[in-house]
Amino acid sequence: MKANPDAAAQQLRLLIERIEGIDGEILGLLDDRNDVYQEAKATGYSKKAMRDIIARRKKDPNALQEEQAILDTYLTALGME
């Protein structure tokens, strides 16, 4: 049996178009996220602090606890706490 090159090309084109569509949706969502950060900033919230909180919420609680303990140890050693 011989493969149909036109069918393969059409399938490839459709796959690429689907990926391009998804990329467009991702960009739209990133714009939406930036709008929320801008709204927070306009309200007086710190974007940096919010990003840090979001990053922490994504982490495993045990890993976060260990990270905080190490940070506290270093801060104490440096006389910063």
C-alpha atoms as a PDB file:
ATOM      1  CA  MET A   1       0.000   0.000   0.000  1.00  0.00           C
ATOM      2  CA  LYS A   2       1.224   3.474  -0.877  1.00  0.00           C
ATOM      3  CA  ALA A   3       0.662   6.444   1.425  1.00  0.00           C
ATOM      4  CA  ASN A   4      -1.240   9.385   0.008  1.00  0.00           C
ATOM      5  CA  PRO A   5       1.108  12.408   0.174  1.00  0.00           C
ATOM      6  CA  ASP A   6      -1.817  14.825  -0.164  1.00  0.00           C
ATOM      7  CA  ALA A   7      -3.561  13.301   2.853  1.00  0.00           C
ATOM      8  CA  ALA A   8      -0.339  13.441   4.880  1.00  0.00           C
ATOM      9  CA  ALA A   9       0.210  17.080   3.915  1.00  0.00           C
ATOM     10  CA  GLN A  10      -3.389  17.940   4.830  1.00  0.00           C
ATOM     11  CA  GLN A  11      -3.072  16.174   8.183  1.00  0.00           C
ATOM     12  CA  LEU A  12       0.186  18.029   8.897  1.00  0.00           C
ATOM     13  CA  ARG A  13      -1.419  21.351   7.973  1.00  0.00           C
ATOM     14  CA  LEU A  14      -4.371  20.684  10.290  1.00  0.00           C
ATOM     15  CA  LEU A  15      -2.076  19.752  13.163  1.00  0.00           C
ATOM     16  CA  ILE A  16      -0.026  22.911  12.686  1.00  0.00           C
ATOM     17  CA  GLU A  17      -3.171  25.026  12.546  1.00  0.00           C
ATOM     18  CA  ARG A  18      -4.407  23.458  15.789  1.00  0.00           C
ATOM     19  CA  ILE A  19      -1.094  24.262  17.485  1.00  0.00           C
ATOM     20  CA  GLU A  20      -1.246  27.829  16.173  1.00  0.00           C
ATOM     21  CA  GLY A  21      -4.773  28.147  17.555  1.00  0.00           C
ATOM     22  CA  ILE A  22      -3.657  26.916  20.956  1.00  0.00           C
ATOM     23  CA  ASP A  23      -0.709  29.333  20.897  1.00  0.00           C
ATOM     24  CA  GLY A  24      -3.165  32.160  20.227  1.00  0.00           C
ATOM     25  CA  GLU A  25      -5.306  31.089  23.178  1.00  0.00           C
ATOM     26  CA  ILE A  26      -2.220  30.970  25.417  1.00  0.00           C
ATOM     27  CA  LEU A  27      -1.262  34.512  24.398  1.00  0.00           C
ATOM     28  CA  GLY A  28      -4.802  35.652  25.148  1.00  0.00           C
ATOM     29  CA  LEU A  29      -4.667  34.066  28.594  1.00  0.00           C
ATOM     30  CA  LEU A  30      -1.274  35.658  29.280  1.00  0.00           C
ATOM     31  CA  ASP A  31      -2.756  39.032  28.352  1.00  0.00           C
ATOM     32  CA  ASP A  32      -5.680  38.364  30.715  1.00  0.00           C
ATOM     33  CA  ARG A  33      -3.250  37.460  33.515  1.00  0.00           C
ATOM     34  CA  ASN A  34      -1.265  40.652  32.917  1.00  0.00           C
ATOM     35  CA  ASP A  35      -4.498  42.647  33.056  1.00  0.00           C
ATOM     36  CA  VAL A  36      -5.234  41.160  36.491  1.00  0.00           C
ATOM     37  CA  TYR A  37      -1.741  42.060  37.706  1.00  0.00           C
ATOM     38  CA  GLN A  38      -2.197  45.611  36.386  1.00  0.00           C
ATOM     39  CA  GLU A  39      -5.533  45.861  38.187  1.00  0.00           C
ATOM     40  CA  ALA A  40      -3.902  44.647  41.396  1.00  0.00           C
ATOM     41  CA  LYS A  41      -1.087  47.172  40.994  1.00  0.00           C
ATOM     42  CA  ALA A  42      -3.585  49.984  40.403  1.00  0.00           C
ATOM     43  CA  THR A  43      -5.351  48.952  43.607  1.00  0.00           C
ATOM     44  CA  GLY A  44      -2.074  49.212  45.529  1.00  0.00           C
ATOM     45  CA  TYR A  45      -0.985  45.578  45.678  1.00  0.00           C
ATOM     46  CA  SER A  46       2.564  44.505  44.927  1.00  0.00           C
ATOM     47  CA  LYS A  47       2.821  42.430  41.747  1.00  0.00           C
ATOM     48  CA  LYS A  48       6.109  40.952  42.973  1.00  0.00           C
ATOM     49  CA  ALA A  49       4.598  39.839  46.272  1.00  0.00           C
ATOM     50  CA  MET A  50       1.597  38.354  44.477  1.00  0.00           C
ATOM     51  CA  ARG A  51       3.863  36.432  42.091  1.00  0.00           C
ATOM     52  CA  ASP A  52       5.854  35.112  45.066  1.00  0.00           C
ATOM     53  CA  ILE A  53       2.668  33.957  46.799  1.00  0.00           C
ATOM     54  CA  ILE A  54       1.436  32.213  43.661  1.00  0.00           C
ATOM     55  CA  ALA A  55       4.805  30.466  43.243  1.00  0.00           C
ATOM     56  CA  ARG A  56       4.707  29.339  46.883  1.00  0.00           C
ATOM     57  CA  ARG A  57       1.157  28.005  46.550  1.00  0.00           C
ATOM     58  CA  LYS A  58       2.314  25.821  43.646  1.00  0.00           C
ATOM     59  CA  LYS A  59       5.058  24.190  45.710  1.00  0.00           C
ATOM     60  CA  ASP A  60       4.816  21.057  47.806  1.00  0.00           C
ATOM     61  CA  PRO A  61       4.139  22.118  51.426  1.00  0.00           C
ATOM     62  CA  ASN A  62       7.075  20.077  52.731  1.00  0.00           C
ATOM     63  CA  ALA A  63       9.477  21.583  50.209  1.00  0.00           C
ATOM     64  CA  LEU A  64       8.187  25.043  51.037  1.00  0.00           C
ATOM     65  CA  GLN A  65       8.634  24.433  54.761  1.00  0.00           C
ATOM     66  CA  GLU A  66      12.206  23.223  54.216  1.00  0.00           C
ATOM     67  CA  GLU A  67      12.983  26.215  52.004  1.00  0.00           C
ATOM     68  CA  GLN A  68      11.620  28.600  54.637  1.00  0.00           C
ATOM     69  CA  ALA A  69      13.645  26.909  57.412  1.00  0.00           C
ATOM     70  CA  ILE A  70      16.851  27.299  55.408  1.00  0.00           C
ATOM     71  CA  LEU A  71      16.056  30.939  54.653  1.00  0.00           C
ATOM     72  CA  ASP A  72      15.341  31.610  58.336  1.00  0.00           C
ATOM     73  CA  THR A  73      18.643  29.953  59.307  1.00  0.00           C
ATOM     74  CA  TYR A  74      20.593  32.090  56.839  1.00  0.00           C
ATOM     75  CA  LEU A  75      18.842  35.291  57.914  1.00  0.00           C
ATOM     76  CA  THR A  76      19.568  34.554  61.557  1.00  0.00           C
ATOM     77  CA  ALA A  77      23.232  33.784  60.779  1.00  0.00           C
ATOM     78  CA  LEU A  78      23.512  37.139  59.045  1.00  0.00           C
ATOM     79  CA  GLY A  79      21.786  38.981  61.893  1.00  0.00           C
ATOM     80  CA  MET A  80      18.931  40.009  59.653  1.00  0.00           C
ATOM     81  CA  GLU A  81      16.166  38.450  61.728  1.00  0.00           C
END
